[in-house]
Amino acid sequence: NGCGAMHKYLALEEQYPQYAGACVWDYVDQALWVTAPNGKKRLAYGGDFGDFPHDGNFCVDGLCYPDRTPHTGLKEAKQVYRPIRIENIGNGEFKFKNILKFADASDLFNCRFEITDFRGIVANGSVDFELLADSECIVKIADAMDTFENETYIRFVFTAKADTLYWKKGFEVCFDQLLLGGNKPEFVPCTDG
């Protein structure tokens, strides 16, 4: 659940339909607030109660802290499980893939794009798309057809069209960010002295 390399499990699932992976076993860290001998409150787990044998910190590997504050792993899980995947196929064209098996993504989500470089947002707009369940479509973004000298990215953001049991209207459900072009800054290693 530390979510390290979670995307690799999803890639295996896409490659092998019978594979099951990228599961979340512990949503929340399993720890209890206790008062330490010095009077300060702290979280206790695995062996902190004099229990033996125990699993050590194995029960503190969820996607949220015990108070339900999200770990960064929850953001990674959200990104890995995103319902729409985007591929840059060149010349300002992008392939949108809906991995939802029973829902039309264009009924659920609005889409906008932002093109950014070192200066910040250099272009943005809304995206019209038709994306039936378990399908793909091609979207053309005129602003992405340029040749970019600087390291430049396009970010597609999908927000909820309406309130549901899962999110409020306008909630950012997912995004995809892709390199459009340009030169990445040159890596200069640190030297002693």
C-alpha atoms as a PDB file:
ATOM      1  CA  ASN A   1       0.000   0.000   0.000  1.00  0.00           C
ATOM      2  CA  GLY A   2       2.962   2.325  -0.015  1.00  0.00           C
ATOM      3  CA  CYS A   3       1.898   2.560  -3.665  1.00  0.00           C
ATOM      4  CA  GLY A   4       5.429   2.274  -4.962  1.00  0.00           C
ATOM      5  CA  ALA A   5       5.248   1.156  -8.598  1.00  0.00           C
ATOM      6  CA  MET A   6       1.471   0.647  -8.394  1.00  0.00           C
ATOM      7  CA  HIS A   7       1.262   1.588 -12.084  1.00  0.00           C
ATOM      8  CA  LYS A   8       3.254  -1.552 -12.943  1.00  0.00           C
ATOM      9  CA  TYR A   9       0.523  -3.749 -11.459  1.00  0.00           C
ATOM     10  CA  LEU A  10      -2.071  -1.961 -13.571  1.00  0.00           C
ATOM     11  CA  ALA A  11       0.097  -2.475 -16.677  1.00  0.00           C
ATOM     12  CA  LEU A  12       0.143  -6.213 -15.940  1.00  0.00           C
ATOM     13  CA  GLU A  13      -3.638  -6.163 -15.575  1.00  0.00           C
ATOM     14  CA  GLU A  14      -3.962  -4.488 -18.986  1.00  0.00           C
ATOM     15  CA  GLN A  15      -1.543  -6.985 -20.560  1.00  0.00           C
ATOM     16  CA  TYR A  16      -3.025 -10.113 -18.962  1.00  0.00           C
ATOM     17  CA  PRO A  17      -6.842  -9.988 -18.556  1.00  0.00           C
ATOM     18  CA  GLN A  18      -6.802 -12.816 -15.992  1.00  0.00           C
ATOM     19  CA  TYR A  19      -4.337 -10.928 -13.742  1.00  0.00           C
ATOM     20  CA  ALA A  20      -5.674  -9.226 -10.618  1.00  0.00           C
ATOM     21  CA  GLY A  21      -3.480  -6.657  -8.921  1.00  0.00           C
ATOM     22  CA  ALA A  22      -3.091  -3.058  -7.784  1.00  0.00           C
ATOM     23  CA  CYS A  23      -5.415  -3.807  -4.869  1.00  0.00           C
ATOM     24  CA  VAL A  24      -5.644  -1.635  -1.766  1.00  0.00           C
ATOM     25  CA  TRP A  25      -5.534  -3.772   1.347  1.00  0.00           C
ATOM     26  CA  ASP A  26      -5.302  -1.095   4.043  1.00  0.00           C
ATOM     27  CA  TYR A  27      -7.091   2.175   3.420  1.00  0.00           C
ATOM     28  CA  VAL A  28      -6.079   3.651   6.760  1.00  0.00           C
ATOM     29  CA  ASP A  29      -3.086   3.205   9.065  1.00  0.00           C
ATOM     30  CA  GLN A  30      -4.020   0.982  11.987  1.00  0.00           C
ATOM     31  CA  ALA A  31      -2.666   2.841  14.997  1.00  0.00           C
ATOM     32  CA  LEU A  32      -4.112   4.221  18.222  1.00  0.00           C
ATOM     33  CA  TRP A  33      -3.467   7.462  20.049  1.00  0.00           C
ATOM     34  CA  VAL A  34      -1.805   6.856  23.432  1.00  0.00           C
ATOM     35  CA  THR A  35      -0.211   9.034  26.059  1.00  0.00           C
ATOM     36  CA  ALA A  36       3.522   8.362  26.318  1.00  0.00           C
ATOM     37  CA  PRO A  37       5.328   8.333  29.694  1.00  0.00           C
ATOM     38  CA  ASN A  38       6.476  11.914  29.019  1.00  0.00           C
ATOM     39  CA  GLY A  39       2.824  12.993  28.771  1.00  0.00           C
ATOM     40  CA  LYS A  40       2.837  13.611  25.014  1.00  0.00           C
ATOM     41  CA  LYS A  41       0.296  11.985  22.716  1.00  0.00           C
ATOM     42  CA  ARG A  42       1.608   9.685  20.002  1.00  0.00           C
ATOM     43  CA  LEU A  43       0.417   6.939  17.698  1.00  0.00           C
ATOM     44  CA  ALA A  44       1.122   3.395  18.859  1.00  0.00           C
ATOM     45  CA  TYR A  45       1.214   0.180  16.830  1.00  0.00           C
ATOM     46  CA  GLY A  46       2.896  -3.229  16.501  1.00  0.00           C
ATOM     47  CA  GLY A  47       4.646  -4.029  19.764  1.00  0.00           C
ATOM     48  CA  ASP A  48       3.943  -0.715  21.485  1.00  0.00           C
ATOM     49  CA  PHE A  49       1.522  -2.464  23.837  1.00  0.00           C
ATOM     50  CA  GLY A  50       3.970  -5.120  25.026  1.00  0.00           C
ATOM     51  CA  ASP A  51       2.501  -7.636  22.605  1.00  0.00           C
ATOM     52  CA  PHE A  52       4.700 -10.351  21.116  1.00  0.00           C
ATOM     53  CA  PRO A  53       4.859 -11.570  18.452  1.00  0.00           C
ATOM     54  CA  HIS A  54       3.706  -8.591  16.360  1.00  0.00           C
ATOM     55  CA  ASP A  55       4.000  -7.227  12.838  1.00  0.00           C
ATOM     56  CA  GLY A  56       5.958  -4.080  13.691  1.00  0.00           C
ATOM     57  CA  ASN A  57       4.975  -1.191  11.461  1.00  0.00           C
ATOM     58  CA  PHE A  58       3.260  -3.479   8.938  1.00  0.00           C
ATOM     59  CA  CYS A  59      -0.150  -2.213  10.092  1.00  0.00           C
ATOM     60  CA  VAL A  60       0.862   1.410   9.381  1.00  0.00           C
ATOM     61  CA  ASP A  61       0.915   1.124   5.609  1.00  0.00           C
ATOM     62  CA  GLY A  62      -2.449   2.482   4.544  1.00  0.00           C
ATOM     63  CA  LEU A  63      -3.346   5.307   2.181  1.00  0.00           C
ATOM     64  CA  CYS A  64      -4.443   7.605   5.025  1.00  0.00           C
ATOM     65  CA  TYR A  65      -3.089   8.379   8.479  1.00  0.00           C
ATOM     66  CA  PRO A  66      -5.134   7.116  11.449  1.00  0.00           C
ATOM     67  CA  ASP A  67      -6.967  10.481  11.561  1.00  0.00           C
ATOM     68  CA  ARG A  68      -7.927   9.906   7.872  1.00  0.00           C
ATOM     69  CA  THR A  69      -5.582  12.606   6.533  1.00  0.00           C
ATOM     70  CA  PRO A  70      -4.430  11.376   3.109  1.00  0.00           C
ATOM     71  CA  HIS A  71      -0.875  10.119   2.524  1.00  0.00           C
ATOM     72  CA  THR A  72       0.689  10.948  -0.830  1.00  0.00           C
ATOM     73  CA  GLY A  73      -0.015   7.287  -1.695  1.00  0.00           C
ATOM     74  CA  LEU A  74      -3.742   8.089  -1.892  1.00  0.00           C
ATOM     75  CA  LYS A  75      -3.006  10.637  -4.629  1.00  0.00           C
ATOM     76  CA  GLU A  76      -0.940   8.029  -6.460  1.00  0.00           C
ATOM     77  CA  ALA A  77      -3.752   5.481  -6.200  1.00  0.00           C
ATOM     78  CA  LYS A  78      -6.204   8.057  -7.587  1.00  0.00           C
ATOM     79  CA  GLN A  79      -3.883   8.695 -10.532  1.00  0.00           C
ATOM     80  CA  VAL A  80      -3.274   5.000 -11.231  1.00  0.00           C
ATOM     81  CA  TYR A  81      -7.008   4.240 -11.127  1.00  0.00           C
ATOM     82  CA  ARG A  82      -7.959   7.234 -13.312  1.00  0.00           C
ATOM     83  CA  PRO A  83     -10.803   6.391 -15.717  1.00  0.00           C
ATOM     84  CA  ILE A  84      -9.352   8.181 -18.766  1.00  0.00           C
ATOM     85  CA  ARG A  85      -5.875   7.625 -20.262  1.00  0.00           C
ATOM     86  CA  ILE A  86      -4.359   9.933 -22.860  1.00  0.00           C
ATOM     87  CA  GLU A  87      -1.657   9.329 -25.446  1.00  0.00           C
ATOM     88  CA  ASN A  88       0.043  12.018 -27.538  1.00  0.00           C
ATOM     89  CA  ILE A  89      -0.075  10.732 -31.129  1.00  0.00           C
ATOM     90  CA  GLY A  90       1.507  13.880 -32.603  1.00  0.00           C
ATOM     91  CA  ASN A  91       0.566  16.918 -34.650  1.00  0.00           C
ATOM     92  CA  GLY A  92      -1.762  18.201 -31.924  1.00  0.00           C
ATOM     93  CA  GLU A  93      -3.752  14.941 -31.791  1.00  0.00           C
ATOM     94  CA  PHE A  94      -4.379  12.968 -28.626  1.00  0.00           C
ATOM     95  CA  LYS A  95      -5.958   9.566 -28.118  1.00  0.00           C
ATOM     96  CA  PHE A  96      -8.411   9.514 -25.196  1.00  0.00           C
ATOM     97  CA  LYS A  97      -9.137   6.035 -23.823  1.00  0.00           C
ATOM     98  CA  ASN A  98     -12.089   5.387 -21.510  1.00  0.00           C
ATOM     99  CA  ILE A  99     -11.351   2.403 -19.262  1.00  0.00           C
ATOM    100  CA  LEU A 100     -14.799   2.543 -17.666  1.00  0.00           C
ATOM    101  CA  LYS A 101     -16.577  -0.578 -18.881  1.00  0.00           C
ATOM    102  CA  PHE A 102     -20.184   0.604 -18.500  1.00  0.00           C
ATOM    103  CA  ALA A 103     -20.168   4.417 -18.496  1.00  0.00           C
ATOM    104  CA  ASP A 104     -19.871   7.068 -21.184  1.00  0.00           C
ATOM    105  CA  ALA A 105     -17.057   9.349 -19.941  1.00  0.00           C
ATOM    106  CA  SER A 106     -18.399  12.272 -21.963  1.00  0.00           C
ATOM    107  CA  ASP A 107     -21.637  12.072 -19.943  1.00  0.00           C
ATOM    108  CA  LEU A 108     -19.721  12.168 -16.646  1.00  0.00           C
ATOM    109  CA  PHE A 109     -16.843  14.593 -17.185  1.00  0.00           C
ATOM    110  CA  ASN A 110     -15.952  18.003 -18.524  1.00  0.00           C
ATOM    111  CA  CYS A 111     -12.422  18.386 -19.863  1.00  0.00           C
ATOM    112  CA  ARG A 112     -10.078  21.335 -20.097  1.00  0.00           C
ATOM    113  CA  PHE A 113      -6.411  21.607 -21.075  1.00  0.00           C
ATOM    114  CA  GLU A 114      -3.465  23.737 -20.001  1.00  0.00           C
ATOM    115  CA  ILE A 115      -0.197  24.055 -21.888  1.00  0.00           C
ATOM    116  CA  THR A 116       2.678  25.088 -19.636  1.00  0.00           C
ATOM    117  CA  ASP A 117       6.379  25.824 -19.824  1.00  0.00           C
ATOM    118  CA  PHE A 118       8.801  27.630 -17.504  1.00  0.00           C
ATOM    119  CA  ARG A 119       6.696  30.806 -17.802  1.00  0.00           C
ATOM    120  CA  GLY A 120       3.527  29.120 -16.535  1.00  0.00           C
ATOM    121  CA  ILE A 121       0.314  28.561 -18.487  1.00  0.00           C
ATOM    122  CA  VAL A 122       0.825  29.629 -22.126  1.00  0.00           C
ATOM    123  CA  ALA A 123      -2.495  28.308 -23.533  1.00  0.00           C
ATOM    124  CA  ASN A 124      -5.683  26.776 -22.164  1.00  0.00           C
ATOM    125  CA  GLY A 125      -9.195  25.899 -23.185  1.00  0.00           C
ATOM    126  CA  SER A 126     -12.043  23.452 -22.950  1.00  0.00           C
ATOM    127  CA  VAL A 127     -12.139  20.138 -24.810  1.00  0.00           C
ATOM    128  CA  ASP A 128     -15.179  18.626 -26.485  1.00  0.00           C
ATOM    129  CA  PHE A 129     -15.045  14.837 -26.679  1.00  0.00           C
ATOM    130  CA  GLU A 130     -17.311  11.832 -27.209  1.00  0.00           C
ATOM    131  CA  LEU A 131     -16.044   8.816 -25.276  1.00  0.00           C
ATOM    132  CA  LEU A 132     -18.383   5.852 -24.931  1.00  0.00           C
ATOM    133  CA  ALA A 133     -17.785   3.052 -22.413  1.00  0.00           C
ATOM    134  CA  ASP A 134     -14.592   1.071 -23.070  1.00  0.00           C
ATOM    135  CA  SER A 135     -13.716   3.075 -26.185  1.00  0.00           C
ATOM    136  CA  GLU A 136     -11.223   5.525 -27.641  1.00  0.00           C
ATOM    137  CA  CYS A 137     -11.484   8.811 -29.513  1.00  0.00           C
ATOM    138  CA  ILE A 138      -9.090  11.280 -31.112  1.00  0.00           C
ATOM    139  CA  VAL A 139      -9.052  14.886 -29.913  1.00  0.00           C
ATOM    140  CA  LYS A 140      -7.226  17.672 -31.746  1.00  0.00           C
ATOM    141  CA  ILE A 141      -5.806  20.638 -29.816  1.00  0.00           C
ATOM    142  CA  ALA A 142      -4.709  23.402 -32.203  1.00  0.00           C
ATOM    143  CA  ASP A 143      -2.490  25.042 -29.549  1.00  0.00           C
ATOM    144  CA  ALA A 144      -0.529  21.779 -29.219  1.00  0.00           C
ATOM    145  CA  MET A 145       0.479  21.725 -32.913  1.00  0.00           C
ATOM    146  CA  ASP A 146       3.293  24.259 -32.422  1.00  0.00           C
ATOM    147  CA  THR A 147       6.968  23.381 -32.250  1.00  0.00           C
ATOM    148  CA  PHE A 148       8.108  24.075 -28.705  1.00  0.00           C
ATOM    149  CA  GLU A 149      11.630  25.270 -27.950  1.00  0.00           C
ATOM    150  CA  ASN A 150      11.228  25.059 -24.179  1.00  0.00           C
ATOM    151  CA  GLU A 151      10.251  22.005 -22.169  1.00  0.00           C
ATOM    152  CA  THR A 152       6.465  22.183 -22.596  1.00  0.00           C
ATOM    153  CA  TYR A 153       3.641  20.055 -21.219  1.00  0.00           C
ATOM    154  CA  ILE A 154      -0.067  19.694 -21.825  1.00  0.00           C
ATOM    155  CA  ARG A 155      -2.298  18.783 -18.914  1.00  0.00           C
ATOM    156  CA  PHE A 156      -5.833  17.497 -19.472  1.00  0.00           C
ATOM    157  CA  VAL A 157      -8.096  17.898 -16.435  1.00  0.00           C
ATOM    158  CA  PHE A 158     -11.412  16.028 -16.109  1.00  0.00           C
ATOM    159  CA  THR A 159     -14.009  17.388 -13.687  1.00  0.00           C
ATOM    160  CA  ALA A 160     -17.396  16.047 -12.644  1.00  0.00           C
ATOM    161  CA  LYS A 161     -20.343  17.374 -14.667  1.00  0.00           C
ATOM    162  CA  ALA A 162     -22.806  16.786 -11.818  1.00  0.00           C
ATOM    163  CA  ASP A 163     -23.083  15.826  -8.169  1.00  0.00           C
ATOM    164  CA  THR A 164     -23.021  12.066  -7.594  1.00  0.00           C
ATOM    165  CA  LEU A 165     -22.567   9.748  -4.617  1.00  0.00           C
ATOM    166  CA  TYR A 166     -18.816   9.959  -5.237  1.00  0.00           C
ATOM    167  CA  TRP A 167     -18.081  13.629  -5.977  1.00  0.00           C
ATOM    168  CA  LYS A 168     -19.539  17.106  -6.185  1.00  0.00           C
ATOM    169  CA  LYS A 169     -19.975  18.954  -9.482  1.00  0.00           C
ATOM    170  CA  GLY A 170     -16.627  20.457 -10.500  1.00  0.00           C
ATOM    171  CA  PHE A 171     -14.511  17.962  -8.516  1.00  0.00           C
ATOM    172  CA  GLU A 172     -11.240  17.071 -10.299  1.00  0.00           C
ATOM    173  CA  VAL A 173     -11.727  13.374 -10.988  1.00  0.00           C
ATOM    174  CA  CYS A 174      -8.477  12.836 -12.878  1.00  0.00           C
ATOM    175  CA  PHE A 175      -5.819  14.363 -15.090  1.00  0.00           C
ATOM    176  CA  ASP A 176      -3.124  13.327 -17.517  1.00  0.00           C
ATOM    177  CA  GLN A 177       0.006  15.339 -18.268  1.00  0.00           C
ATOM    178  CA  LEU A 178       2.139  14.761 -21.355  1.00  0.00           C
ATOM    179  CA  LEU A 179       5.348  16.228 -22.728  1.00  0.00           C
ATOM    180  CA  LEU A 180       4.712  18.218 -25.903  1.00  0.00           C
ATOM    181  CA  GLY A 181       8.307  18.955 -26.766  1.00  0.00           C
ATOM    182  CA  GLY A 182      11.260  21.198 -26.252  1.00  0.00           C
ATOM    183  CA  ASN A 183      14.547  20.627 -24.585  1.00  0.00           C
ATOM    184  CA  LYS A 184      14.692  19.435 -21.030  1.00  0.00           C
ATOM    185  CA  PRO A 185      17.130  21.383 -18.857  1.00  0.00           C
ATOM    186  CA  GLU A 186      20.606  19.898 -18.929  1.00  0.00           C
ATOM    187  CA  PHE A 187      21.565  17.944 -15.815  1.00  0.00           C
ATOM    188  CA  VAL A 188      24.617  19.402 -14.140  1.00  0.00           C
ATOM    189  CA  PRO A 189      25.987  17.195 -11.369  1.00  0.00           C
ATOM    190  CA  CYS A 190      27.104  18.752  -8.096  1.00  0.00           C
ATOM    191  CA  THR A 191      30.827  18.737  -7.451  1.00  0.00           C
ATOM    192  CA  ASP A 192      32.749  19.008  -4.207  1.00  0.00           C
ATOM    193  CA  GLY A 193      34.493  22.248  -3.448  1.00  0.00           C
END
